[in-house]
Amino acid sequence: MKREFKLIIIASFIFTISCKQNQPKDSENIITPTNLTPDKTKPEANSDQTEMNDESYNDEMVEKIIKKIDEINISASQSNKVETKILLSEIENTPVTVWYNNDKTPIKAEFGVTDDGGEFTGKFTLYFNNGKLWCSDWDLAKFIFDENGKLKYWLDDSWKISETEETAGPYFKQKEEINFNILNEILAKVKFE
């Protein structure tokens, strides 16, 4: 029952985002993957890009992903943080937390997710690598992006391949767009201190 409930929440969230995609956007507030390019003069910009270049997804890659998430969580716990409530995907007072470096580069972001009754019952987490969206962790799905912001892996809640570009068709690209739409909305509305 709880799983079906979460699927309904995710479906309604996707529908809301899809509807918003047809509305005109203020181009000044939109941050695309290329806008999140790190400063190449900084040594950290070339540090440990989790090796996602290998075309075969396996248990070793899962271990690397989980290790990288642990590293990001440690880094976030020692960084700046802003907690606020914003209108996110037409849901008022959505709790959002963003962790960031001194140069305002995002490290991690979390935002609340509501149930059918409008109560915040969960959260989705976005993880960044050198300021670029790298992993999006939802309740029933996880998404891994390459360094160019392209969705590379759509995983289930146990880190196994759920869908591929071939099996999901246009929904694969839609998941990529949904993640970046959420990210853009958060970064446009959350003010770093």
C-alpha atoms as a PDB file:
ATOM      1  CA  MET A   1       0.000   0.000   0.000  1.00  0.00           C
ATOM      2  CA  LYS A   2       2.777   2.414   0.942  1.00  0.00           C
ATOM      3  CA  ARG A   3       4.623   1.671  -2.311  1.00  0.00           C
ATOM      4  CA  GLU A   4       1.517   2.405  -4.392  1.00  0.00           C
ATOM      5  CA  PHE A   5       1.050   5.621  -2.453  1.00  0.00           C
ATOM      6  CA  LYS A   6       4.603   6.731  -3.256  1.00  0.00           C
ATOM      7  CA  LEU A   7       4.060   5.879  -6.924  1.00  0.00           C
ATOM      8  CA  ILE A   8       0.984   8.116  -6.942  1.00  0.00           C
ATOM      9  CA  ILE A   9       3.014  10.950  -5.411  1.00  0.00           C
ATOM     10  CA  ILE A  10       5.775  10.556  -7.964  1.00  0.00           C
ATOM     11  CA  ALA A  11       3.282  10.375 -10.837  1.00  0.00           C
ATOM     12  CA  SER A  12       1.521  13.544  -9.690  1.00  0.00           C
ATOM     13  CA  PHE A  13       4.884  15.264  -9.243  1.00  0.00           C
ATOM     14  CA  ILE A  14       5.897  14.281 -12.795  1.00  0.00           C
ATOM     15  CA  PHE A  15       2.560  15.493 -14.146  1.00  0.00           C
ATOM     16  CA  THR A  16       2.984  18.850 -12.398  1.00  0.00           C
ATOM     17  CA  ILE A  17       6.484  19.291 -13.785  1.00  0.00           C
ATOM     18  CA  SER A  18       5.360  18.248 -17.273  1.00  0.00           C
ATOM     19  CA  CYS A  19       2.601  20.859 -17.225  1.00  0.00           C
ATOM     20  CA  LYS A  20       5.064  23.530 -16.130  1.00  0.00           C
ATOM     21  CA  GLN A  21       7.380  22.696 -19.050  1.00  0.00           C
ATOM     22  CA  ASN A  22       4.871  24.230 -21.451  1.00  0.00           C
ATOM     23  CA  GLN A  23       4.917  27.575 -19.635  1.00  0.00           C
ATOM     24  CA  PRO A  24       7.333  30.338 -20.680  1.00  0.00           C
ATOM     25  CA  LYS A  25      10.379  30.592 -18.431  1.00  0.00           C
ATOM     26  CA  ASP A  26      12.461  33.517 -17.242  1.00  0.00           C
ATOM     27  CA  SER A  27      15.773  32.696 -18.899  1.00  0.00           C
ATOM     28  CA  GLU A  28      17.739  34.627 -16.269  1.00  0.00           C
ATOM     29  CA  ASN A  29      16.756  32.152 -13.546  1.00  0.00           C
ATOM     30  CA  ILE A  30      17.332  28.968 -15.516  1.00  0.00           C
ATOM     31  CA  ILE A  31      20.466  27.051 -14.685  1.00  0.00           C
ATOM     32  CA  THR A  32      21.335  24.382 -17.194  1.00  0.00           C
ATOM     33  CA  PRO A  33      23.978  21.717 -16.771  1.00  0.00           C
ATOM     34  CA  THR A  34      26.384  23.865 -18.747  1.00  0.00           C
ATOM     35  CA  ASN A  35      25.712  26.829 -16.446  1.00  0.00           C
ATOM     36  CA  LEU A  36      26.798  24.663 -13.526  1.00  0.00           C
ATOM     37  CA  THR A  37      30.245  24.110 -15.021  1.00  0.00           C
ATOM     38  CA  PRO A  38      32.908  24.356 -12.303  1.00  0.00           C
ATOM     39  CA  ASP A  39      35.788  26.781 -12.455  1.00  0.00           C
ATOM     40  CA  LYS A  40      38.561  24.765 -14.149  1.00  0.00           C
ATOM     41  CA  THR A  41      41.243  26.796 -12.360  1.00  0.00           C
ATOM     42  CA  LYS A  42      40.305  25.234  -9.028  1.00  0.00           C
ATOM     43  CA  PRO A  43      42.039  21.974  -8.166  1.00  0.00           C
ATOM     44  CA  GLU A  44      38.783  20.410  -6.933  1.00  0.00           C
ATOM     45  CA  ALA A  45      37.221  20.788 -10.375  1.00  0.00           C
ATOM     46  CA  ASN A  46      39.300  17.902 -11.670  1.00  0.00           C
ATOM     47  CA  SER A  47      39.007  15.733  -8.571  1.00  0.00           C
ATOM     48  CA  ASP A  48      37.488  12.253  -8.485  1.00  0.00           C
ATOM     49  CA  GLN A  49      34.719  12.272 -11.046  1.00  0.00           C
ATOM     50  CA  THR A  50      33.145   8.963 -10.064  1.00  0.00           C
ATOM     51  CA  GLU A  51      34.102   6.737 -12.936  1.00  0.00           C
ATOM     52  CA  MET A  52      30.814   6.398 -14.727  1.00  0.00           C
ATOM     53  CA  ASN A  53      32.400   6.180 -18.183  1.00  0.00           C
ATOM     54  CA  ASP A  54      32.293   2.385 -18.177  1.00  0.00           C
ATOM     55  CA  GLU A  55      29.320   1.273 -20.262  1.00  0.00           C
ATOM     56  CA  SER A  56      28.686  -1.816 -18.145  1.00  0.00           C
ATOM     57  CA  TYR A  57      26.804  -1.157 -14.929  1.00  0.00           C
ATOM     58  CA  ASN A  58      27.746  -3.630 -12.208  1.00  0.00           C
ATOM     59  CA  ASP A  59      28.084  -4.161  -8.438  1.00  0.00           C
ATOM     60  CA  GLU A  60      31.470  -2.419  -8.400  1.00  0.00           C
ATOM     61  CA  MET A  61      29.855   0.710  -9.830  1.00  0.00           C
ATOM     62  CA  VAL A  62      27.111   0.542  -7.192  1.00  0.00           C
ATOM     63  CA  GLU A  63      29.814   0.466  -4.515  1.00  0.00           C
ATOM     64  CA  LYS A  64      31.526   3.496  -6.099  1.00  0.00           C
ATOM     65  CA  ILE A  65      28.247   5.405  -6.249  1.00  0.00           C
ATOM     66  CA  ILE A  66      27.405   4.672  -2.614  1.00  0.00           C
ATOM     67  CA  LYS A  67      30.945   5.600  -1.555  1.00  0.00           C
ATOM     68  CA  LYS A  68      30.697   8.883  -3.479  1.00  0.00           C
ATOM     69  CA  ILE A  69      27.331   9.655  -1.822  1.00  0.00           C
ATOM     70  CA  ASP A  70      28.910   9.015   1.589  1.00  0.00           C
ATOM     71  CA  GLU A  71      31.755  11.413   0.687  1.00  0.00           C
ATOM     72  CA  ILE A  72      29.271  14.070  -0.442  1.00  0.00           C
ATOM     73  CA  ASN A  73      27.274  13.660   2.784  1.00  0.00           C
ATOM     74  CA  ILE A  74      30.436  14.145   4.849  1.00  0.00           C
ATOM     75  CA  SER A  75      31.415  17.193   2.816  1.00  0.00           C
ATOM     76  CA  ALA A  76      27.906  18.630   3.145  1.00  0.00           C
ATOM     77  CA  SER A  77      27.906  18.145   6.921  1.00  0.00           C
ATOM     78  CA  GLN A  78      30.981  20.414   7.102  1.00  0.00           C
ATOM     79  CA  SER A  79      29.727  23.090   4.703  1.00  0.00           C
ATOM     80  CA  ASN A  80      27.336  26.022   4.595  1.00  0.00           C
ATOM     81  CA  LYS A  81      23.642  25.220   4.656  1.00  0.00           C
ATOM     82  CA  VAL A  82      20.442  27.105   3.996  1.00  0.00           C
ATOM     83  CA  GLU A  83      17.040  25.764   5.041  1.00  0.00           C
ATOM     84  CA  THR A  84      13.889  27.406   3.758  1.00  0.00           C
ATOM     85  CA  LYS A  85      10.382  26.791   2.476  1.00  0.00           C
ATOM     86  CA  ILE A  86       9.533  27.661  -1.107  1.00  0.00           C
ATOM     87  CA  LEU A  87       6.825  27.192  -3.711  1.00  0.00           C
ATOM     88  CA  LEU A  88       8.228  24.156  -5.538  1.00  0.00           C
ATOM     89  CA  SER A  89       6.345  22.538  -8.422  1.00  0.00           C
ATOM     90  CA  GLU A  90       3.193  24.356  -7.356  1.00  0.00           C
ATOM     91  CA  ILE A  91       3.403  22.983  -3.806  1.00  0.00           C
ATOM     92  CA  GLU A  92       3.570  25.787  -1.249  1.00  0.00           C
ATOM     93  CA  ASN A  93       5.905  25.746   1.740  1.00  0.00           C
ATOM     94  CA  THR A  94       7.999  22.879   0.418  1.00  0.00           C
ATOM     95  CA  PRO A  95      10.909  22.424   2.840  1.00  0.00           C
ATOM     96  CA  VAL A  96      14.223  22.709   1.020  1.00  0.00           C
ATOM     97  CA  THR A  97      17.768  22.419   2.328  1.00  0.00           C
ATOM     98  CA  VAL A  98      20.813  23.186   0.200  1.00  0.00           C
ATOM     99  CA  TRP A  99      24.392  22.609   1.298  1.00  0.00           C
ATOM    100  CA  TYR A 100      27.033  24.624  -0.557  1.00  0.00           C
ATOM    101  CA  ASN A 101      30.696  25.665  -0.627  1.00  0.00           C
ATOM    102  CA  ASN A 102      31.981  29.138   0.212  1.00  0.00           C
ATOM    103  CA  ASP A 103      31.918  29.959  -3.513  1.00  0.00           C
ATOM    104  CA  LYS A 104      28.167  29.105  -3.562  1.00  0.00           C
ATOM    105  CA  THR A 105      28.705  25.826  -5.432  1.00  0.00           C
ATOM    106  CA  PRO A 106      25.968  23.349  -4.441  1.00  0.00           C
ATOM    107  CA  ILE A 107      27.052  20.113  -2.778  1.00  0.00           C
ATOM    108  CA  LYS A 108      23.700  18.547  -1.888  1.00  0.00           C
ATOM    109  CA  ALA A 109      20.026  19.540  -1.858  1.00  0.00           C
ATOM    110  CA  GLU A 110      16.966  17.960  -0.279  1.00  0.00           C
ATOM    111  CA  PHE A 111      13.324  18.837  -0.777  1.00  0.00           C
ATOM    112  CA  GLY A 112      10.098  17.609   0.773  1.00  0.00           C
ATOM    113  CA  VAL A 113       7.605  15.368  -1.003  1.00  0.00           C
ATOM    114  CA  THR A 114       3.909  15.288  -0.154  1.00  0.00           C
ATOM    115  CA  ASP A 115       1.382  12.489   0.061  1.00  0.00           C
ATOM    116  CA  ASP A 116      -2.163  12.613  -1.366  1.00  0.00           C
ATOM    117  CA  GLY A 117      -3.317  14.592   1.648  1.00  0.00           C
ATOM    118  CA  GLY A 118      -0.694  17.273   1.068  1.00  0.00           C
ATOM    119  CA  GLU A 119       1.399  16.250   4.078  1.00  0.00           C
ATOM    120  CA  PHE A 120       5.178  16.198   3.669  1.00  0.00           C
ATOM    121  CA  THR A 121       6.033  12.551   4.244  1.00  0.00           C
ATOM    122  CA  GLY A 122       9.366  12.105   2.502  1.00  0.00           C
ATOM    123  CA  LYS A 123      12.239  13.821   0.777  1.00  0.00           C
ATOM    124  CA  PHE A 124      14.196  13.556  -2.433  1.00  0.00           C
ATOM    125  CA  THR A 125      17.920  14.286  -2.460  1.00  0.00           C
ATOM    126  CA  LEU A 126      20.121  15.753  -5.180  1.00  0.00           C
ATOM    127  CA  TYR A 127      23.880  15.151  -5.039  1.00  0.00           C
ATOM    128  CA  PHE A 128      26.395  17.290  -6.894  1.00  0.00           C
ATOM    129  CA  ASN A 129      29.906  16.610  -8.124  1.00  0.00           C
ATOM    130  CA  ASN A 130      31.891  19.820  -8.604  1.00  0.00           C
ATOM    131  CA  GLY A 131      28.674  21.834  -8.751  1.00  0.00           C
ATOM    132  CA  LYS A 132      26.977  19.643 -11.361  1.00  0.00           C
ATOM    133  CA  LEU A 133      23.991  17.406 -10.694  1.00  0.00           C
ATOM    134  CA  TRP A 134      25.399  13.915 -10.426  1.00  0.00           C
ATOM    135  CA  CYS A 135      22.796  11.806  -8.574  1.00  0.00           C
ATOM    136  CA  SER A 136      19.117  12.251  -7.792  1.00  0.00           C
ATOM    137  CA  ASP A 137      17.793   9.943  -5.083  1.00  0.00           C
ATOM    138  CA  TRP A 138      14.001   9.546  -5.050  1.00  0.00           C
ATOM    139  CA  ASP A 139      12.053   7.086  -2.907  1.00  0.00           C
ATOM    140  CA  LEU A 140      11.499   4.508  -5.641  1.00  0.00           C
ATOM    141  CA  ALA A 141      14.083   5.578  -8.216  1.00  0.00           C
ATOM    142  CA  LYS A 142      17.613   6.890  -8.469  1.00  0.00           C
ATOM    143  CA  PHE A 143      19.132   8.757 -11.394  1.00  0.00           C
ATOM    144  CA  ILE A 144      22.836   9.071 -12.234  1.00  0.00           C
ATOM    145  CA  PHE A 145      23.995  11.805 -14.612  1.00  0.00           C
ATOM    146  CA  ASP A 146      27.216  12.110 -16.570  1.00  0.00           C
ATOM    147  CA  GLU A 147      29.469  15.191 -16.431  1.00  0.00           C
ATOM    148  CA  ASN A 148      27.485  16.804 -19.286  1.00  0.00           C
ATOM    149  CA  GLY A 149      24.168  16.587 -17.435  1.00  0.00           C
ATOM    150  CA  LYS A 150      22.842  13.683 -19.485  1.00  0.00           C
ATOM    151  CA  LEU A 151      20.918  10.971 -17.666  1.00  0.00           C
ATOM    152  CA  LYS A 152      23.106   7.903 -17.788  1.00  0.00           C
ATOM    153  CA  TYR A 153      21.424   5.434 -15.405  1.00  0.00           C
ATOM    154  CA  TRP A 154      17.809   5.143 -14.234  1.00  0.00           C
ATOM    155  CA  LEU A 155      17.913   2.817 -11.228  1.00  0.00           C
ATOM    156  CA  ASP A 156      15.358   1.298  -8.885  1.00  0.00           C
ATOM    157  CA  ASP A 157      15.392   1.746  -5.109  1.00  0.00           C
ATOM    158  CA  SER A 158      17.932  -1.087  -4.726  1.00  0.00           C
ATOM    159  CA  TRP A 159      20.462   0.461  -7.187  1.00  0.00           C
ATOM    160  CA  LYS A 160      19.655  -1.938 -10.044  1.00  0.00           C
ATOM    161  CA  ILE A 161      18.973  -0.785 -13.607  1.00  0.00           C
ATOM    162  CA  SER A 162      15.260  -0.003 -13.816  1.00  0.00           C
ATOM    163  CA  GLU A 163      14.978   1.504 -17.290  1.00  0.00           C
ATOM    164  CA  THR A 164      17.266   2.260 -20.181  1.00  0.00           C
ATOM    165  CA  GLU A 165      16.897   4.784 -22.959  1.00  0.00           C
ATOM    166  CA  GLU A 166      15.756   1.926 -25.198  1.00  0.00           C
ATOM    167  CA  THR A 167      13.130   0.528 -22.793  1.00  0.00           C
ATOM    168  CA  ALA A 168      11.814   3.853 -21.505  1.00  0.00           C
ATOM    169  CA  GLY A 169      11.792   5.700 -24.807  1.00  0.00           C
ATOM    170  CA  PRO A 170      10.882   9.378 -24.388  1.00  0.00           C
ATOM    171  CA  TYR A 171      10.343   8.922 -20.640  1.00  0.00           C
ATOM    172  CA  PHE A 172      14.110   8.568 -20.200  1.00  0.00           C
ATOM    173  CA  LYS A 173      14.696  12.110 -21.483  1.00  0.00           C
ATOM    174  CA  GLN A 174      11.648  13.312 -19.537  1.00  0.00           C
ATOM    175  CA  LYS A 175      13.183  12.060 -16.260  1.00  0.00           C
ATOM    176  CA  GLU A 176      16.359  13.975 -17.089  1.00  0.00           C
ATOM    177  CA  GLU A 177      14.348  17.144 -17.750  1.00  0.00           C
ATOM    178  CA  ILE A 178      12.256  16.739 -14.587  1.00  0.00           C
ATOM    179  CA  ASN A 179      15.374  16.504 -12.444  1.00  0.00           C
ATOM    180  CA  PHE A 180      16.882  19.625 -13.990  1.00  0.00           C
ATOM    181  CA  ASN A 181      13.581  21.533 -13.805  1.00  0.00           C
ATOM    182  CA  ILE A 182      13.409  20.815 -10.073  1.00  0.00           C
ATOM    183  CA  LEU A 183      17.054  21.765  -9.660  1.00  0.00           C
ATOM    184  CA  ASN A 184      16.601  25.015 -11.591  1.00  0.00           C
ATOM    185  CA  GLU A 185      13.543  25.925  -9.553  1.00  0.00           C
ATOM    186  CA  ILE A 186      15.338  25.271  -6.263  1.00  0.00           C
ATOM    187  CA  LEU A 187      18.463  27.198  -7.216  1.00  0.00           C
ATOM    188  CA  ALA A 188      16.428  30.123  -8.577  1.00  0.00           C
ATOM    189  CA  LYS A 189      14.429  30.457  -5.336  1.00  0.00           C
ATOM    190  CA  VAL A 190      16.901  29.546  -2.590  1.00  0.00           C
ATOM    191  CA  LYS A 191      19.191  32.402  -1.629  1.00  0.00           C
ATOM    192  CA  PHE A 192      22.623  31.411  -0.366  1.00  0.00           C
ATOM    193  CA  GLU A 193      23.789  33.427   2.625  1.00  0.00           C
END
